[in-house]
Amino acid sequence: MPRLRNLLVGLAAFGSALAPSAIARDAGWSALERPLHLPHLVPGMACPISHSDAAVDFGQFGIARGLGSGPAYPILPRGILPLVPAADGGRWAAQKVLWFVHPRYRGPVLVRGRRLDGPGLVRFDRGVVPAPELRLPAGTTERPSFTRLRATGCYAYQIDGEGFSRVIVFRATGQV
């Protein structure tokens, strides 16, 4: 029993020694956690899919056109996300999405979202309960990810970075 108490005391001291650096590491992300400003659509209303940024030559970077006005873009052809059922048998359907951050922007990017034409969350990457946000660290130019949804419909990402906040609207289709 004394060995267990010593171990717990040691772990508590180790954890408190890490706390200031953990807070400092998260400070940049919490600054990007702005309130979501996503539109609400009446069920049955047309999904206002975002357009590609015509000002960027995506071909020079070897990728398809990105949605929105940047500097961070989901690569979603025609703004359609064709879902496939979860491979793990879970409730979150998925589709791979490449995120491109224009090299002129060097800061971090935080991506979150939700459904616009009804209740529904946007989640990211893998797991039985996927992450509620996608973090692209400073200096990222490309990041493959998974967008995870529970239903088809009209959705939006909110993309927050240093000095900008963008909303990208897309339609999820396919199987759930």
Protein backbone atom coordinates (compact mmCIF):
# COMPACT_ATOMS: atom_id res chain seq x y z
CA MET A 1 0.00 0.00 0.00
CA PRO A 2 2.79 2.54 0.76
CA ARG A 3 4.29 1.80 -2.69
CA LEU A 4 0.96 2.62 -4.35
CA ARG A 5 0.68 5.87 -2.34
CA ASN A 6 4.24 6.83 -3.35
CA LEU A 7 3.43 6.08 -6.97
CA LEU A 8 0.28 8.21 -6.84
CA VAL A 9 2.13 11.09 -5.15
CA GLY A 10 4.88 10.83 -7.78
CA LEU A 11 2.34 10.84 -10.61
CA ALA A 12 0.55 13.84 -9.11
CA ALA A 13 3.84 15.74 -8.90
CA PHE A 14 4.72 14.72 -12.46
CA GLY A 15 1.27 15.86 -13.67
CA SER A 16 1.50 19.23 -11.92
CA ALA A 17 4.96 19.75 -13.41
CA LEU A 18 3.45 19.22 -16.89
CA ALA A 19 0.40 21.38 -16.33
CA PRO A 20 1.95 24.78 -17.25
CA SER A 21 3.34 23.49 -20.56
CA ALA A 22 0.06 21.72 -21.34
CA ILE A 23 -1.78 25.00 -20.73
CA ALA A 24 0.70 26.88 -22.92
CA ARG A 25 0.31 24.32 -25.73
CA ASP A 26 -3.48 24.64 -25.64
CA ALA A 27 -3.51 28.44 -25.45
CA GLY A 28 -3.21 28.76 -29.23
CA TRP A 29 -6.10 26.37 -29.83
CA SER A 30 -8.47 27.90 -27.29
CA ALA A 31 -7.98 31.27 -29.00
CA LEU A 32 -9.41 29.69 -32.16
CA GLU A 33 -12.45 28.19 -30.41
CA ARG A 34 -14.80 30.98 -31.42
CA PRO A 35 -18.56 30.47 -31.24
CA LEU A 36 -19.99 28.64 -34.23
CA HIS A 37 -21.73 31.05 -36.63
CA LEU A 38 -23.42 28.58 -38.94
CA PRO A 39 -26.73 29.22 -40.69
CA HIS A 40 -29.86 27.22 -39.96
CA LEU A 41 -31.91 25.96 -42.90
CA VAL A 42 -35.56 25.11 -42.97
CA PRO A 43 -35.92 21.38 -43.71
CA GLY A 44 -36.43 20.92 -47.46
CA MET A 45 -34.63 24.16 -48.35
CA ALA A 46 -31.89 23.87 -50.99
CA CYS A 47 -28.40 23.38 -49.60
CA PRO A 48 -26.31 26.49 -50.46
CA ILE A 49 -23.11 24.58 -51.33
CA SER A 50 -19.97 26.71 -51.21
CA HIS A 51 -18.07 27.48 -54.40
CA SER A 52 -14.45 26.77 -55.25
CA ASP A 53 -11.90 29.55 -54.90
CA ALA A 54 -11.19 30.68 -58.49
CA ALA A 55 -8.33 32.90 -57.31
CA VAL A 56 -6.11 29.94 -56.37
CA ASP A 57 -4.34 27.69 -58.87
CA PHE A 58 -4.83 24.43 -57.00
CA GLY A 59 -3.26 22.53 -59.89
CA GLN A 60 0.15 24.00 -59.07
CA PHE A 61 -0.08 22.16 -55.75
CA GLY A 62 -1.21 18.92 -57.42
CA ILE A 63 -4.70 18.87 -55.89
CA ALA A 64 -8.30 19.38 -56.98
CA ARG A 65 -10.10 22.66 -56.34
CA GLY A 66 -10.86 23.54 -52.74
CA LEU A 67 -14.12 24.95 -51.41
CA GLY A 68 -14.37 28.41 -49.91
CA SER A 69 -12.19 31.48 -49.88
CA GLY A 70 -9.30 30.04 -47.87
CA PRO A 71 -6.65 30.00 -46.72
CA ALA A 72 -7.76 26.53 -45.52
CA TYR A 73 -9.81 24.42 -47.92
CA PRO A 74 -11.60 21.06 -47.85
CA ILE A 75 -11.07 19.28 -51.17
CA LEU A 76 -14.64 18.19 -51.95
CA PRO A 77 -15.52 17.90 -55.63
CA ARG A 78 -18.69 19.90 -56.34
CA GLY A 79 -19.26 20.27 -52.58
CA ILE A 80 -20.61 16.72 -52.28
CA LEU A 81 -19.46 14.32 -49.56
CA PRO A 82 -20.46 10.74 -50.54
CA LEU A 83 -20.70 8.84 -47.25
CA VAL A 84 -19.98 5.16 -46.75
CA PRO A 85 -21.05 3.15 -43.69
CA ALA A 86 -18.57 3.01 -40.83
CA ALA A 87 -16.02 0.24 -41.34
CA ASP A 88 -15.93 -0.42 -37.59
CA GLY A 89 -19.68 -1.14 -37.50
CA GLY A 90 -20.27 2.08 -35.56
CA ARG A 91 -22.92 4.72 -36.10
CA TRP A 92 -20.66 7.32 -37.75
CA ALA A 93 -20.55 7.08 -41.55
CA ALA A 94 -17.35 8.44 -43.09
CA GLN A 95 -15.61 9.88 -46.09
CA LYS A 96 -11.99 10.84 -46.56
CA VAL A 97 -11.42 14.58 -46.97
CA LEU A 98 -8.11 16.19 -47.83
CA TRP A 99 -7.51 19.56 -46.16
CA PHE A 100 -5.24 21.99 -47.96
CA VAL A 101 -3.82 25.08 -46.27
CA HIS A 102 -2.31 27.59 -48.67
CA PRO A 103 1.42 27.98 -47.94
CA ARG A 104 1.00 31.76 -47.57
CA TYR A 105 -0.78 31.07 -44.26
CA ARG A 106 1.50 29.64 -41.57
CA GLY A 107 -0.74 29.59 -38.48
CA PRO A 108 -2.92 26.89 -36.90
CA VAL A 109 -6.40 26.00 -38.20
CA LEU A 110 -9.35 24.67 -36.19
CA VAL A 111 -12.24 22.95 -38.03
CA ARG A 112 -15.64 22.19 -36.48
CA GLY A 113 -19.16 21.89 -37.86
CA ARG A 114 -22.76 20.74 -37.71
CA ARG A 115 -25.78 19.93 -39.83
CA LEU A 116 -27.74 22.91 -41.15
CA ASP A 117 -31.07 21.35 -42.18
CA GLY A 118 -31.73 19.36 -39.02
CA PRO A 119 -30.00 18.02 -35.93
CA GLY A 120 -26.59 16.49 -36.49
CA LEU A 121 -22.95 16.80 -35.61
CA VAL A 122 -19.80 16.80 -37.69
CA ARG A 123 -16.99 14.67 -36.29
CA PHE A 124 -13.50 13.89 -37.54
CA ASP A 125 -11.11 11.01 -38.09
CA ARG A 126 -11.38 7.58 -36.50
CA GLY A 127 -12.80 6.14 -33.30
CA VAL A 128 -16.06 4.82 -31.91
CA VAL A 129 -16.76 8.41 -30.83
CA PRO A 130 -14.85 10.55 -33.36
CA ALA A 131 -13.28 13.87 -32.38
CA PRO A 132 -15.53 16.98 -32.42
CA GLU A 133 -12.81 19.09 -34.05
CA LEU A 134 -9.92 18.82 -36.45
CA ARG A 135 -6.71 20.63 -35.53
CA LEU A 136 -4.24 21.54 -38.25
CA PRO A 137 -1.03 22.72 -36.55
CA ALA A 138 0.87 25.77 -37.79
CA GLY A 139 2.82 24.96 -40.94
CA THR A 140 0.41 22.26 -42.17
CA THR A 141 -0.21 22.42 -45.92
CA GLU A 142 -2.02 19.09 -46.48
CA ARG A 143 -3.82 16.82 -44.04
CA PRO A 144 -5.88 13.76 -44.99
CA SER A 145 -8.77 13.23 -42.59
CA PHE A 146 -12.18 11.62 -42.30
CA THR A 147 -15.39 13.60 -41.93
CA ARG A 148 -17.84 11.51 -39.88
CA LEU A 149 -21.61 12.01 -39.92
CA ARG A 150 -24.70 10.09 -38.78
CA ALA A 151 -27.09 11.22 -41.52
CA THR A 152 -27.17 12.65 -45.02
CA GLY A 153 -28.14 16.30 -45.43
CA CYS A 154 -26.72 19.81 -45.62
CA TYR A 155 -23.71 20.50 -43.38
CA ALA A 156 -21.13 23.19 -42.78
CA TYR A 157 -17.59 23.37 -41.52
CA GLN A 158 -16.48 26.44 -39.60
CA ILE A 159 -12.79 27.00 -40.22
CA ASP A 160 -11.04 29.28 -37.73
CA GLY A 161 -7.47 30.54 -37.94
CA GLU A 162 -5.42 33.54 -36.91
CA GLY A 163 -7.29 36.52 -38.34
CA PHE A 164 -10.05 34.63 -40.17
CA SER A 165 -13.19 32.56 -39.76
CA ARG A 166 -14.86 30.87 -42.75
CA VAL A 167 -17.99 28.79 -43.27
CA ILE A 168 -17.96 26.06 -45.93
CA VAL A 169 -21.31 24.43 -46.82
CA PHE A 170 -21.48 20.94 -48.34
CA ARG A 171 -24.04 18.20 -48.99
CA ALA A 172 -23.61 14.71 -47.56
CA THR A 173 -25.09 11.92 -49.68
CA GLY A 174 -24.81 8.13 -49.78
CA GLN A 175 -25.27 5.43 -47.19
CA VAL A 176 -25.35 5.83 -43.45
